[in-house]
Protein backbone atom coordinates (compact mmCIF):
# COMPACT_ATOMS: atom_id res chain seq x y z
CA MET A 1 68.14 107.21 147.79
CA SER A 2 69.62 110.06 149.86
CA ARG A 3 71.01 109.92 153.37
CA GLY A 4 67.87 111.72 154.54
CA HIS A 5 65.74 108.92 153.15
CA ASP A 6 68.01 106.27 154.68
CA ARG A 7 67.79 107.90 158.11
CA LEU A 8 64.02 108.34 157.87
CA ILE A 9 63.41 104.73 156.86
CA ALA A 10 65.73 103.42 159.56
CA GLU A 11 64.09 105.62 162.19
CA LEU A 12 60.56 104.62 161.22
CA ARG A 13 61.44 100.93 160.94
CA GLU A 14 62.80 101.06 164.48
CA LYS A 15 59.77 102.94 165.83
CA LEU A 16 56.95 101.35 163.82
CA GLY A 17 58.23 98.02 162.50
CA ALA A 18 58.47 96.25 159.15
CA THR A 19 54.70 96.04 158.69
CA VAL A 20 54.57 99.82 158.36
CA VAL A 21 57.83 100.39 156.48
CA VAL A 22 57.91 98.64 153.09
CA THR A 23 61.00 98.81 150.86
CA ASP A 24 60.51 95.70 148.70
CA PRO A 25 60.27 97.02 145.09
CA ASP A 26 57.87 94.24 144.10
CA LEU A 27 55.40 95.26 146.82
CA ILE A 28 55.68 98.95 145.95
CA ALA A 29 55.46 98.55 142.15
CA PRO A 30 51.64 98.17 141.84
CA TRP A 31 51.15 101.55 143.52
CA LEU A 32 53.51 103.56 141.32
CA THR A 33 51.19 103.86 138.30
CA ASP A 34 47.96 105.82 138.28
CA TRP A 35 44.57 104.29 137.47
CA ARG A 36 44.60 105.53 133.87
CA GLY A 37 48.12 104.28 133.25
CA ARG A 38 49.23 107.76 132.25
CA TRP A 39 51.79 108.41 134.99
CA THR A 40 54.35 106.07 136.53
CA GLY A 41 56.67 107.29 139.25
CA LYS A 42 59.33 106.02 141.61
CA ALA A 43 59.29 105.79 145.40
CA ALA A 44 62.04 105.25 147.94
CA ALA A 45 59.62 103.36 150.20
CA MET A 46 55.96 102.85 151.03
CA LEU A 47 54.68 103.53 154.54
CA GLN A 48 51.52 101.77 155.75
CA PRO A 49 50.37 103.18 159.10
CA GLY A 50 47.52 101.49 160.93
CA THR A 51 46.67 104.25 163.41
CA ARG A 52 46.46 108.00 163.66
CA GLU A 53 49.41 107.95 166.04
CA GLU A 54 51.54 106.15 163.46
CA VAL A 55 50.57 108.72 160.82
CA SER A 56 51.59 111.48 163.22
CA THR A 57 54.94 109.81 163.88
CA ILE A 58 55.57 109.45 160.14
CA LEU A 59 54.71 113.05 159.28
CA ALA A 60 56.76 114.50 162.12
CA ALA A 61 59.80 112.45 161.07
CA ALA A 62 59.38 113.16 157.35
CA ASN A 63 58.97 116.87 158.03
CA GLU A 64 62.15 116.90 160.11
CA ALA A 65 64.03 115.04 157.35
CA GLY A 66 62.48 117.05 154.52
CA VAL A 67 61.31 113.90 152.74
CA PRO A 68 58.19 114.38 150.56
CA LEU A 69 55.19 112.08 151.05
CA VAL A 70 52.46 111.10 148.60
CA PRO A 71 49.23 110.20 150.46
CA GLN A 72 47.42 107.36 148.72
CA GLY A 73 44.16 105.50 149.28
CA GLY A 74 42.73 103.29 146.56
CA ASN A 75 45.00 104.81 143.87
CA SER A 76 41.92 105.53 141.76
CA SER A 77 42.73 109.18 141.00
CA MET A 78 41.80 110.22 137.46
CA VAL A 79 44.28 113.13 137.41
CA GLY A 80 47.49 111.60 138.76
CA GLY A 81 46.73 112.97 142.20
CA ALA A 82 48.23 110.06 144.16
CA THR A 83 51.22 109.13 141.99
CA PRO A 84 54.85 110.00 142.87
CA ASP A 85 57.08 111.68 140.32
CA GLN A 86 60.11 110.17 138.57
CA SER A 87 62.71 111.60 140.94
CA GLY A 88 62.67 108.67 143.36
CA ASP A 89 62.76 111.17 146.23
CA MET A 90 59.15 110.64 147.30
CA VAL A 91 57.70 108.11 149.72
CA ILE A 92 54.17 106.73 149.36
CA LEU A 93 52.01 107.11 152.46
CA SER A 94 49.35 104.43 152.09
CA LEU A 95 46.24 104.73 154.27
CA ARG A 96 44.85 101.35 153.22
CA ARG A 97 45.45 99.68 156.60
CA MET A 98 43.32 102.32 158.34
CA LYS A 99 39.96 100.79 157.48
CA GLU A 100 38.03 100.55 160.73
CA ILE A 101 34.48 101.72 161.32
CA ARG A 102 34.82 103.49 164.64
CA ALA A 103 31.10 104.09 165.17
CA ILE A 104 27.69 103.82 163.51
CA ASP A 105 24.72 105.61 165.09
CA PRO A 106 21.40 104.58 163.48
CA GLU A 107 19.52 107.14 165.58
CA THR A 108 21.38 110.16 164.22
CA ARG A 109 22.22 108.45 160.92
CA GLN A 110 25.92 109.15 161.33
CA CYS A 111 29.11 107.12 161.26
CA VAL A 112 32.80 107.64 161.94
CA VAL A 113 35.12 105.72 159.63
CA GLU A 114 38.83 105.68 158.95
CA ALA A 115 40.35 107.01 155.76
CA GLY A 116 41.31 103.66 154.22
CA MET A 117 37.77 102.27 154.28
CA ILE A 118 36.65 101.32 150.76
CA LEU A 119 33.34 102.86 149.71
CA ALA A 120 31.68 99.58 148.67
CA THR A 121 32.70 97.91 151.94
CA LEU A 122 31.25 100.78 153.95
CA GLN A 123 27.99 100.63 152.01
CA ASP A 124 27.69 96.90 152.72
CA GLU A 125 28.24 97.46 156.45
CA LEU A 126 25.76 100.34 156.58
CA ALA A 127 23.12 98.33 154.74
CA GLU A 128 23.13 95.86 157.65
CA VAL A 129 21.56 98.59 159.81
CA GLY A 130 19.34 100.11 157.11
CA LEU A 131 21.61 103.03 156.20
CA ARG A 132 23.74 104.22 153.29
CA LEU A 133 26.15 106.96 152.35
CA PRO A 134 24.39 108.89 149.56
CA LEU A 135 27.28 108.75 147.11
CA ASP A 136 28.00 106.28 144.33
CA LEU A 137 30.53 106.08 141.51
CA GLY A 138 32.14 103.56 139.22
CA ALA A 139 35.25 103.17 141.42
CA ARG A 140 33.21 102.21 144.49
CA GLY A 141 35.18 98.96 144.83
CA SER A 142 38.56 100.68 145.15
CA ALA A 143 37.99 104.31 146.15
CA THR A 144 38.58 105.02 149.84
CA ILE A 145 36.73 107.42 152.11
CA GLY A 146 39.84 109.52 152.69
CA GLY A 147 40.47 109.86 148.98
CA LEU A 148 36.84 110.71 148.28
CA VAL A 149 36.98 113.52 150.84
CA SER A 150 40.40 114.73 149.69
CA THR A 151 39.09 115.10 146.13
CA ASN A 152 35.54 116.12 147.12
CA ALA A 153 34.30 113.37 144.82
CA GLY A 154 30.99 113.55 143.01
CA GLY A 155 29.35 110.60 141.30
CA THR A 156 25.83 109.82 140.18
CA GLU A 157 23.80 111.10 143.17
CA VAL A 158 25.03 114.70 143.42
CA LEU A 159 21.79 116.00 141.88
CA ARG A 160 19.93 115.29 145.12
CA HIS A 161 22.57 114.81 147.81
CA GLY A 162 25.57 116.91 146.78
CA THR A 163 29.25 116.00 146.62
CA MET A 164 31.25 114.02 149.18
CA GLY A 165 32.13 117.17 151.09
CA GLU A 166 28.47 117.82 151.79
CA GLN A 167 28.25 114.50 153.65
CA VAL A 168 31.21 115.36 155.92
CA LEU A 169 30.25 116.53 159.42
CA GLY A 170 33.78 116.51 160.79
CA LEU A 171 37.16 114.91 160.32
CA GLU A 172 40.48 114.01 161.86
CA ALA A 173 43.68 114.96 160.06
CA VAL A 174 47.40 115.04 160.72
CA LEU A 175 49.30 118.16 159.67
CA ALA A 176 52.76 118.22 158.11
CA ASP A 177 54.51 118.64 161.47
CA GLY A 178 52.67 115.68 163.00
CA SER A 179 50.12 117.72 164.97
CA VAL A 180 46.47 116.66 164.80
CA ILE A 181 43.20 118.48 164.19
CA ASP A 182 40.07 116.67 165.35
CA THR A 183 36.53 117.84 164.56
CA LEU A 184 34.91 114.41 164.86
CA SER A 185 32.67 115.52 167.73
CA PRO A 186 28.92 115.13 167.02
CA LEU A 187 28.32 118.77 168.05
CA LYS A 188 25.68 120.40 165.88
CA LYS A 189 26.87 123.89 166.80
CA ASP A 190 30.49 124.96 167.20
CA ASN A 191 31.12 128.62 166.41
CA ARG A 192 34.76 128.91 167.47
CA GLY A 193 35.77 130.68 164.31
CA PRO A 194 35.94 129.32 160.74
CA ARG A 195 35.74 125.57 160.09
CA ILE A 196 39.43 124.84 159.69
CA ASP A 197 38.71 121.26 158.66
CA ARG A 198 36.97 122.42 155.49
CA MET A 199 40.29 123.06 153.75
CA MET A 200 40.97 119.33 153.84
CA ILE A 201 37.89 118.67 151.68
CA GLY A 202 39.11 118.85 148.09
CA GLY A 203 42.60 119.71 149.36
CA GLU A 204 44.20 116.68 147.65
CA GLY A 205 46.47 116.05 150.64
CA GLN A 206 48.14 119.46 150.39
CA PHE A 207 47.32 120.71 153.88
CA GLY A 208 47.19 117.51 155.92
CA VAL A 209 46.48 113.79 155.81
CA ILE A 210 42.91 112.77 156.60
CA THR A 211 42.77 109.80 158.96
CA ALA A 212 39.05 109.59 159.86
CA VAL A 213 35.74 111.20 158.91
CA ARG A 214 32.30 111.67 160.50
CA LEU A 215 29.66 111.25 157.79
CA GLN A 216 25.97 112.08 157.51
CA LEU A 217 24.00 109.09 156.24
CA THR A 218 20.52 108.50 154.83
CA ALA A 219 18.08 105.64 155.20
CA LEU A 220 18.49 102.72 152.86
CA PRO A 221 15.74 103.29 150.27
CA SER A 222 12.75 100.98 150.39
CA ASP A 223 11.65 102.03 146.91
CA ARG A 224 13.51 102.59 143.67
CA ALA A 225 12.64 103.45 140.09
CA THR A 226 15.08 103.36 137.18
CA ALA A 227 14.22 104.44 133.65
CA TRP A 228 15.95 104.57 130.27
CA VAL A 229 14.66 107.33 128.01
CA GLY A 230 15.28 108.34 124.41
CA VAL A 231 15.55 112.07 123.64
CA ALA A 232 16.31 114.09 120.53
CA SER A 233 19.06 116.34 121.91
CA PRO A 234 20.78 117.65 125.05
CA GLN A 235 18.31 120.55 125.01
CA ALA A 236 15.43 118.07 125.08
CA ALA A 237 17.15 116.19 127.91
CA LEU A 238 17.43 119.41 129.89
CA LYS A 239 13.71 120.10 129.47
CA LEU A 240 12.99 116.53 130.58
CA LEU A 241 15.18 117.05 133.67
CA ARG A 242 13.25 120.16 134.68
CA PHE A 243 9.94 118.39 134.10
CA CYS A 244 10.99 115.42 136.26
CA GLU A 245 12.22 117.72 139.03
CA GLN A 246 8.89 119.54 139.08
CA GLU A 247 6.92 116.32 139.32
CA CYS A 248 9.11 114.25 141.67
CA ASP A 249 11.45 115.22 144.52
CA ALA A 250 13.07 111.77 144.69
CA VAL A 251 15.18 111.99 141.50
CA GLU A 252 18.81 111.25 142.43
CA GLY A 253 20.45 110.56 139.09
CA PHE A 254 20.01 111.98 135.60
CA GLU A 255 22.68 110.76 133.17
CA LEU A 256 23.05 111.95 129.57
CA LEU A 257 24.29 109.25 127.15
CA PRO A 258 25.15 109.76 123.45
CA LYS A 259 24.51 107.18 120.75
CA ASP A 260 28.18 106.68 119.83
CA SER A 261 29.18 105.91 123.42
CA LEU A 262 26.39 103.36 123.74
CA ALA A 263 27.49 101.76 120.48
CA ALA A 264 30.95 101.25 122.00
CA ALA A 265 29.45 99.54 125.07
CA GLU A 266 27.53 97.16 122.83
CA ALA A 267 30.53 96.43 120.59
CA VAL A 268 33.02 95.82 123.41
CA PHE A 269 30.95 94.37 126.25
CA ASP A 270 27.78 93.25 124.47
CA LEU A 271 25.83 95.67 126.66
CA ARG A 272 22.89 96.82 124.58
CA ALA A 273 20.83 99.89 125.45
CA PRO A 274 17.31 98.74 126.39
CA LEU A 275 15.42 101.02 123.98
CA ASP A 276 14.47 100.04 120.46
CA GLY A 277 14.75 102.62 117.73
CA ASP A 278 17.40 105.15 116.76
CA HIS A 279 17.89 107.83 119.42
CA ASP A 280 20.78 110.28 119.12
CA TRP A 281 20.75 110.79 122.88
CA GLN A 282 19.47 108.73 125.76
CA VAL A 283 18.97 109.42 129.46
CA LEU A 284 19.25 107.19 132.52
CA ILE A 285 17.03 108.36 135.39
CA GLU A 286 17.10 107.09 138.97
CA ALA A 287 14.67 107.88 141.79
CA LYS A 288 14.92 106.54 145.35
CA GLY A 289 12.81 106.98 148.44
CA GLU A 290 11.30 105.50 151.57
CA SER A 291 7.87 104.94 150.06
CA GLU A 292 6.18 101.57 149.64
CA ALA A 293 7.92 99.42 147.04
CA GLY A 294 6.55 100.06 143.56
CA THR A 295 5.25 103.55 144.30
CA LEU A 296 8.13 105.35 142.59
CA ASN A 297 8.01 103.07 139.55
CA GLU A 298 4.37 103.95 139.07
CA LYS A 299 5.03 107.65 139.61
CA LEU A 300 8.04 107.82 137.29
CA GLY A 301 6.14 105.86 134.66
CA SER A 302 3.33 108.40 134.80
CA ILE A 303 5.80 111.29 134.57
CA LEU A 304 7.52 109.82 131.52
CA ALA A 305 4.20 109.09 129.82
CA GLY A 306 3.38 112.76 130.24
CA ALA A 307 6.81 113.75 128.95
CA ILE A 308 6.33 111.68 125.80
CA GLU A 309 2.89 113.17 125.30
CA GLN A 310 4.35 116.69 125.56
CA GLY A 311 7.19 115.89 123.16
CA LEU A 312 9.90 116.05 125.84
CA ALA A 313 10.90 112.42 125.28
CA GLN A 314 10.70 109.98 122.38
CA ASP A 315 10.41 106.66 124.20
CA ALA A 316 11.05 105.18 127.64
CA VAL A 317 11.38 101.88 129.46
CA LEU A 318 11.24 101.26 133.21
CA ALA A 319 13.35 98.64 134.97
CA GLN A 320 11.03 95.93 136.27
CA SER A 321 13.44 94.48 138.85
CA GLU A 322 16.56 95.31 140.84
CA ALA A 323 18.56 93.15 138.45
CA GLN A 324 17.29 95.09 135.46
CA ALA A 325 18.01 98.40 137.17
CA GLU A 326 21.57 97.27 137.87
CA ALA A 327 21.89 96.18 134.24
CA PHE A 328 20.92 99.71 133.14
CA TRP A 329 23.60 101.17 135.40
CA SER A 330 26.17 98.63 134.25
CA ILE A 331 25.93 100.10 130.76
CA ARG A 332 26.55 103.58 132.15
CA HIS A 333 29.53 102.53 134.26
CA HIS A 334 31.18 100.68 131.35
CA LEU A 335 31.11 103.64 128.95
CA SER A 336 34.57 105.01 129.72
CA ASP A 337 36.31 101.65 129.31
CA ALA A 338 34.19 100.80 126.26
CA GLU A 339 35.08 104.04 124.48
CA LYS A 340 38.78 103.59 125.27
CA ARG A 341 38.83 100.04 123.90
CA HIS A 342 36.63 100.72 120.89
CA TYR A 343 37.79 104.16 119.78
CA GLY A 344 41.24 104.45 121.41
CA MET A 345 42.68 106.85 123.96
CA ALA A 346 41.16 110.30 124.17
CA ASN A 347 41.88 113.82 125.24
CA SER A 348 39.61 113.62 128.31
CA HIS A 349 37.95 116.36 130.33
CA ASP A 350 36.02 116.19 133.60
CA ILE A 351 34.21 119.52 133.39
CA SER A 352 31.17 121.34 134.66
CA VAL A 353 29.10 124.26 133.45
CA PRO A 354 25.82 125.67 134.78
CA VAL A 355 23.16 123.06 134.01
CA ASP A 356 21.14 125.35 131.76
CA ALA A 357 24.29 126.18 129.75
CA MET A 358 25.12 122.54 129.00
CA PRO A 359 23.32 122.13 125.63
CA ALA A 360 24.90 125.30 124.21
CA PHE A 361 28.33 124.33 125.52
CA LEU A 362 28.18 120.82 124.03
CA LYS A 363 27.18 122.23 120.64
CA GLU A 364 29.90 124.87 120.66
CA VAL A 365 32.71 122.54 121.70
CA ARG A 366 31.74 119.90 119.14
CA ASP A 367 31.35 122.43 116.31
CA ARG A 368 34.63 124.22 117.04
CA ILE A 369 36.85 121.21 117.71
CA GLU A 370 35.56 119.16 114.79
CA ALA A 371 35.97 122.19 112.50
CA ASP A 372 39.49 123.01 113.71
CA TYR A 373 40.67 119.37 113.69
CA PRO A 374 39.20 117.50 110.73
CA GLY A 375 38.59 113.88 111.60
CA ALA A 376 38.27 114.55 115.32
CA TRP A 377 35.28 113.19 117.19
CA VAL A 378 33.83 114.81 120.31
CA SER A 379 31.65 112.86 122.73
CA GLY A 380 30.22 113.82 126.07
CA TYR A 381 28.30 111.83 128.65
CA GLY A 382 27.61 111.99 132.34
CA HIS A 383 25.80 113.82 135.07
CA LEU A 384 23.58 116.31 133.26
CA GLY A 385 21.56 116.76 136.45
CA ASP A 386 24.43 118.59 138.17
CA GLY A 387 26.12 120.07 135.08
CA ASN A 388 29.06 117.65 135.03
CA ILE A 389 29.97 116.05 131.70
CA HIS A 390 32.90 113.79 130.86
CA LEU A 391 34.02 115.18 127.53
CA HIS A 392 36.29 113.15 125.23
CA VAL A 393 38.05 114.28 122.05
CA ARG A 394 39.34 111.46 119.85
CA PRO A 395 41.14 111.29 116.51
CA MET A 396 39.64 109.23 113.71
CA ASP A 397 42.60 109.07 111.34
CA ARG A 398 45.84 108.81 113.31
CA ALA A 399 47.48 106.97 116.22
CA SER A 400 46.27 108.16 119.60
CA ASP A 401 49.79 108.61 120.97
CA ASP A 402 50.65 110.92 118.08
CA TRP A 403 47.43 112.85 118.58
CA ARG A 404 48.01 113.38 122.30
CA ALA A 405 51.62 114.46 121.74
CA THR A 406 50.79 117.02 119.07
CA GLU A 407 47.30 118.52 119.19
CA GLY A 408 46.39 117.30 122.69
CA ALA A 409 47.61 120.27 124.73
CA GLU A 410 46.25 122.76 122.22
CA ILE A 411 42.82 121.11 122.24
CA GLU A 412 42.84 121.04 126.04
CA ARG A 413 43.41 124.79 126.20
CA LYS A 414 40.67 125.48 123.68
CA VAL A 415 38.17 123.32 125.55
CA HIS A 416 39.09 124.91 128.87
CA ASP A 417 38.70 128.41 127.43
CA MET A 418 35.20 127.52 126.25
CA ILE A 419 34.37 126.10 129.68
CA VAL A 420 35.43 129.32 131.39
CA ALA A 421 33.47 131.38 128.85
CA HIS A 422 30.35 129.45 129.83
CA GLY A 423 30.96 130.08 133.54
CA GLY A 424 32.20 126.56 134.23
CA SER A 425 35.05 124.68 135.92
CA ILE A 426 37.90 122.68 134.37
CA SER A 427 37.51 120.13 137.19
CA ALA A 428 34.05 119.01 138.23
CA GLU A 429 34.73 115.97 140.42
CA HIS A 430 38.15 114.45 139.76
CA GLY A 431 40.29 117.23 141.22
CA ILE A 432 43.35 119.01 139.78
CA GLY A 433 46.18 116.59 140.60
CA GLN A 434 49.18 116.89 138.31
CA MET A 435 47.10 116.62 135.14
CA LYS A 436 45.44 120.04 135.41
CA ARG A 437 47.85 121.97 137.61
CA ASP A 438 49.29 124.11 134.81
CA GLU A 439 45.86 124.94 133.44
CA PHE A 440 44.67 125.79 136.95
CA ALA A 441 47.58 128.24 137.14
CA ARG A 442 46.58 129.75 133.79
CA LEU A 443 42.86 130.03 134.43
CA GLY A 444 42.45 130.18 138.22
CA GLU A 445 41.41 133.43 139.85
CA PRO A 446 44.53 135.19 141.20
CA ALA A 447 42.99 135.65 144.66
CA ARG A 448 42.08 131.96 144.91
CA LEU A 449 45.58 130.88 143.88
CA ALA A 450 47.16 133.34 146.31
CA MET A 451 45.07 131.99 149.20
CA LEU A 452 45.99 128.39 148.37
CA ARG A 453 49.68 129.25 148.25
CA ALA A 454 49.47 131.15 151.54
CA LEU A 455 47.73 128.22 153.25
CA LYS A 456 50.35 125.83 151.88
CA GLN A 457 53.18 128.00 153.16
CA ALA A 458 51.59 128.28 156.60
CA LEU A 459 50.74 124.60 157.05
CA ASP A 460 53.47 122.86 155.04
CA PRO A 461 56.42 125.25 154.66
CA LYS A 462 58.81 122.43 153.71
CA ARG A 463 56.43 121.26 150.96
CA ILE A 464 56.50 117.61 152.03
CA LEU A 465 52.80 116.88 151.39
CA ASN A 466 51.95 115.62 147.90
CA PRO A 467 54.25 117.96 145.96
CA GLY A 468 53.50 118.66 142.32
CA LYS A 469 49.72 118.40 142.72
CA LEU A 470 46.93 121.00 142.80
CA ILE A 471 48.85 124.14 143.80
CA PRO A 472 50.86 125.75 140.97
């Protein structure tokens, strides 16, 4: 640890106390490894502010000392976006103590919450007053609001409600020099130039540290319908999606699930898909609304009966209770872990292409990768409704570590090139982090990269905020 680190830690311990400044290696250790277990770093200390003022004090002091900080919420990043490097020069800035709900307004359906609030906890609190944040994902029990905004997270309800950024009405953030921007006001109109707070959404902590957010909410649904449907192919699933959208404006989720992934869930967790028969692809559909309970179930049942009659679907089953609906979703949320345990580690991709291009993309990537790498297996599942698929490439005849070390980078480039050719993005909802930074440099539009670098230089000239992530 350098003298600069020593001085910073001593200064902050004197100003903020031992609760904020943590140097015990045993307390820091759990936060040094990313969620996937792919990256493990070192940190000189971990700082745990409880207020915006404490965050400001920390950033001003770190900026003066030139000590880099790694903002961290629930540490659930899928791309190493909240993990320090191996140098030992970085300090973790944990926002987990900032978890207050500052305000909930049922009339306007808005709330103001601090960055360390866990998504599941917020949803429970909002449900008490008949509201919800229209965003859900598998990491709901650990992901924090600040992290969700910083990565512009997606999830299973983007089809109807959009990404996390689309729920953000305003935010509070501390810049690298300790100064604060605050757009938490409930103003509906404020035309004083561009929305400077927008750069924090998806900014991965590069331009400032989010401390609080004003969110737009929706009513807690009084009606819900969940269906599991068998289809012949991704093309058939796409036609079913369009049919459902034409017939019902309450569809929030439309998940594409391949047979091999479902087989892994059954083998590992004894979670069996609810449909009988052999279906190469299956779809999980969710509709929610404020109608009388049971109305959507009847409507979705009628829609799916029509889809089967028209040859758009092979078979379907509707959840008959909340418990059964949750059981359907449990299968979906266990797929990643099931595949990893059953088939081994994969070359994984969180990608998006235009929705109508998805069937052609899935066919091309499977055909090319399996032809170029005999024994490889390509699977893809996820949010067909918004064009976001989690694509996994796995070996069938060698150790996963060997595979990742040899063909992994080459496969990644080939997959990314196909994504770009189809007009897509190499990061749909997980962000860039350290995992995709080099590929972002290779494939990103020069003007976009130049703007990001210029913003970084203007707002964080000493590069203390989350170095090594996002910006090449």
